[in-house]
Amino acid sequence: MSKLEIVVGDCIKSDFPDFDVCVANMPYQISSPFVFKLLLHRKFRCAVLMFQKEFAERLYAKPGDKLYCRLSANTQLMARVAHVLKVGKNNFKPPPKVDSSVVRIEPMNHA
């Protein structure tokens, strides 16, 4: 039995399979719906995800930070979020118009 399964498809419209770890770089326009679907799934140990830099900064912003918002509060209510690394646009060919960041998300009540 393989420990790795690659799932291709529309993750917003599909049910998530059982998994322990999620590693993903999805289209940035589905970042918010993906995060909330992932957090509602709750049956995972951690997720390492790449997002547009500004979105990632809002995910891990703390109360009082300029970027702290409803996204920050709702995400951090359900999970621990940590910045892992910044990925500059020049690391891609062709370079996109935005920088990216990798974050680690661990649900508070891992089932």
Protein backbone atom coordinates (compact mmCIF):
# COMPACT_ATOMS: atom_id res chain seq x y z
CA MET A 1 0.00 0.00 0.00
CA SER A 2 1.42 3.36 -1.07
CA LYS A 3 1.80 6.16 1.44
CA LEU A 4 1.45 8.81 -1.26
CA GLU A 5 -1.66 9.56 -3.24
CA ILE A 6 -1.77 12.36 -5.78
CA VAL A 7 -5.28 13.66 -6.33
CA VAL A 8 -5.97 15.69 -9.47
CA GLY A 9 -9.20 17.59 -9.86
CA ASP A 10 -11.28 20.43 -8.50
CA CYS A 11 -10.63 20.29 -4.77
CA ILE A 12 -13.39 22.77 -3.99
CA LYS A 13 -16.09 20.63 -5.66
CA SER A 14 -14.73 17.25 -4.53
CA ASP A 15 -14.80 15.54 -1.16
CA PHE A 16 -11.40 15.28 0.47
CA PRO A 17 -10.10 11.73 0.90
CA ASP A 18 -8.66 10.70 4.27
CA PHE A 19 -5.14 12.05 4.64
CA ASP A 20 -2.60 12.92 7.31
CA VAL A 21 -0.53 15.58 5.52
CA CYS A 22 -1.46 17.95 2.70
CA VAL A 23 1.12 19.68 0.51
CA ALA A 24 -0.33 21.96 -2.13
CA ASN A 25 0.23 24.88 -4.46
CA MET A 26 -3.20 25.62 -5.85
CA PRO A 27 -4.47 28.51 -7.97
CA TYR A 28 -4.33 31.58 -5.75
CA GLN A 29 -7.92 32.60 -6.54
CA ILE A 30 -9.23 29.62 -4.52
CA SER A 31 -7.00 30.20 -1.47
CA SER A 32 -9.75 31.29 0.92
CA PRO A 33 -12.34 28.61 0.01
CA PHE A 34 -9.58 25.96 0.12
CA VAL A 35 -8.35 26.97 3.58
CA PHE A 36 -11.84 26.92 5.08
CA LYS A 37 -12.72 23.60 3.45
CA LEU A 38 -9.45 22.16 4.74
CA LEU A 39 -10.07 23.44 8.26
CA LEU A 40 -13.59 22.01 8.30
CA HIS A 41 -12.15 18.63 7.21
CA ARG A 42 -10.07 18.59 10.45
CA LYS A 43 -8.88 14.99 9.93
CA PHE A 44 -5.26 15.86 9.14
CA ARG A 45 -2.08 16.45 11.08
CA CYS A 46 -0.67 19.35 9.07
CA ALA A 47 -0.79 21.14 5.75
CA VAL A 48 2.10 22.90 4.01
CA LEU A 49 0.66 25.28 1.44
CA MET A 50 1.90 27.99 -0.90
CA PHE A 51 -0.18 31.14 -1.20
CA GLN A 52 0.13 34.63 -2.59
CA LYS A 53 2.31 36.52 -0.07
CA GLU A 54 -0.41 38.97 1.00
CA PHE A 55 -2.93 36.18 1.64
CA ALA A 56 -0.39 34.21 3.67
CA GLU A 57 0.46 37.28 5.75
CA ARG A 58 -3.22 37.72 6.64
CA LEU A 59 -3.43 34.03 7.65
CA TYR A 60 -0.72 34.36 10.31
CA ALA A 61 -1.26 38.02 11.32
CA LYS A 62 -1.75 38.54 15.06
CA PRO A 63 -4.33 40.76 16.79
CA GLY A 64 -3.13 44.36 16.58
CA ASP A 65 -1.20 43.77 13.33
CA LYS A 66 -2.22 45.95 10.39
CA LEU A 67 -3.12 42.83 8.35
CA TYR A 68 -5.17 41.12 11.09
CA CYS A 69 -8.67 40.52 9.75
CA ARG A 70 -11.63 38.12 9.79
CA LEU A 71 -9.55 35.58 7.81
CA SER A 72 -6.81 35.70 10.48
CA ALA A 73 -9.26 35.35 13.37
CA ASN A 74 -11.31 32.52 11.84
CA THR A 75 -8.26 30.55 10.72
CA GLN A 76 -6.42 30.92 14.02
CA LEU A 77 -9.55 29.94 15.95
CA MET A 78 -9.31 26.50 14.30
CA ALA A 79 -5.59 26.07 13.64
CA ARG A 80 -2.04 27.11 14.38
CA VAL A 81 -0.57 28.92 11.37
CA ALA A 82 3.15 29.52 10.89
CA HIS A 83 5.11 31.22 8.14
CA VAL A 84 7.66 28.78 6.68
CA LEU A 85 9.38 30.75 3.92
CA LYS A 86 9.01 33.51 1.37
CA VAL A 87 9.16 32.53 -2.31
CA GLY A 88 10.06 35.42 -4.59
CA LYS A 89 8.45 35.73 -8.01
CA ASN A 90 11.88 35.40 -9.64
CA ASN A 91 12.01 31.74 -8.55
CA PHE A 92 9.50 30.94 -11.31
CA LYS A 93 9.85 30.92 -15.09
CA PRO A 94 8.11 32.94 -16.34
CA PRO A 95 7.91 35.03 -13.17
CA PRO A 96 4.37 35.81 -11.95
CA LYS A 97 3.36 39.33 -10.92
CA VAL A 98 3.23 38.45 -7.19
CA ASP A 99 5.49 36.98 -4.51
CA SER A 100 4.44 33.85 -2.63
CA SER A 101 4.82 32.43 0.87
CA VAL A 102 4.69 28.91 2.26
CA VAL A 103 2.73 28.38 5.47
CA ARG A 104 2.18 25.42 7.78
CA ILE A 105 -1.34 24.87 9.15
CA GLU A 106 -2.00 22.48 12.05
CA PRO A 107 -5.60 22.01 13.21
CA MET A 108 -6.15 22.65 16.93
CA ASN A 109 -8.24 19.50 17.43
CA HIS A 110 -6.60 16.98 15.13
CA ALA A 111 -9.12 14.11 14.95
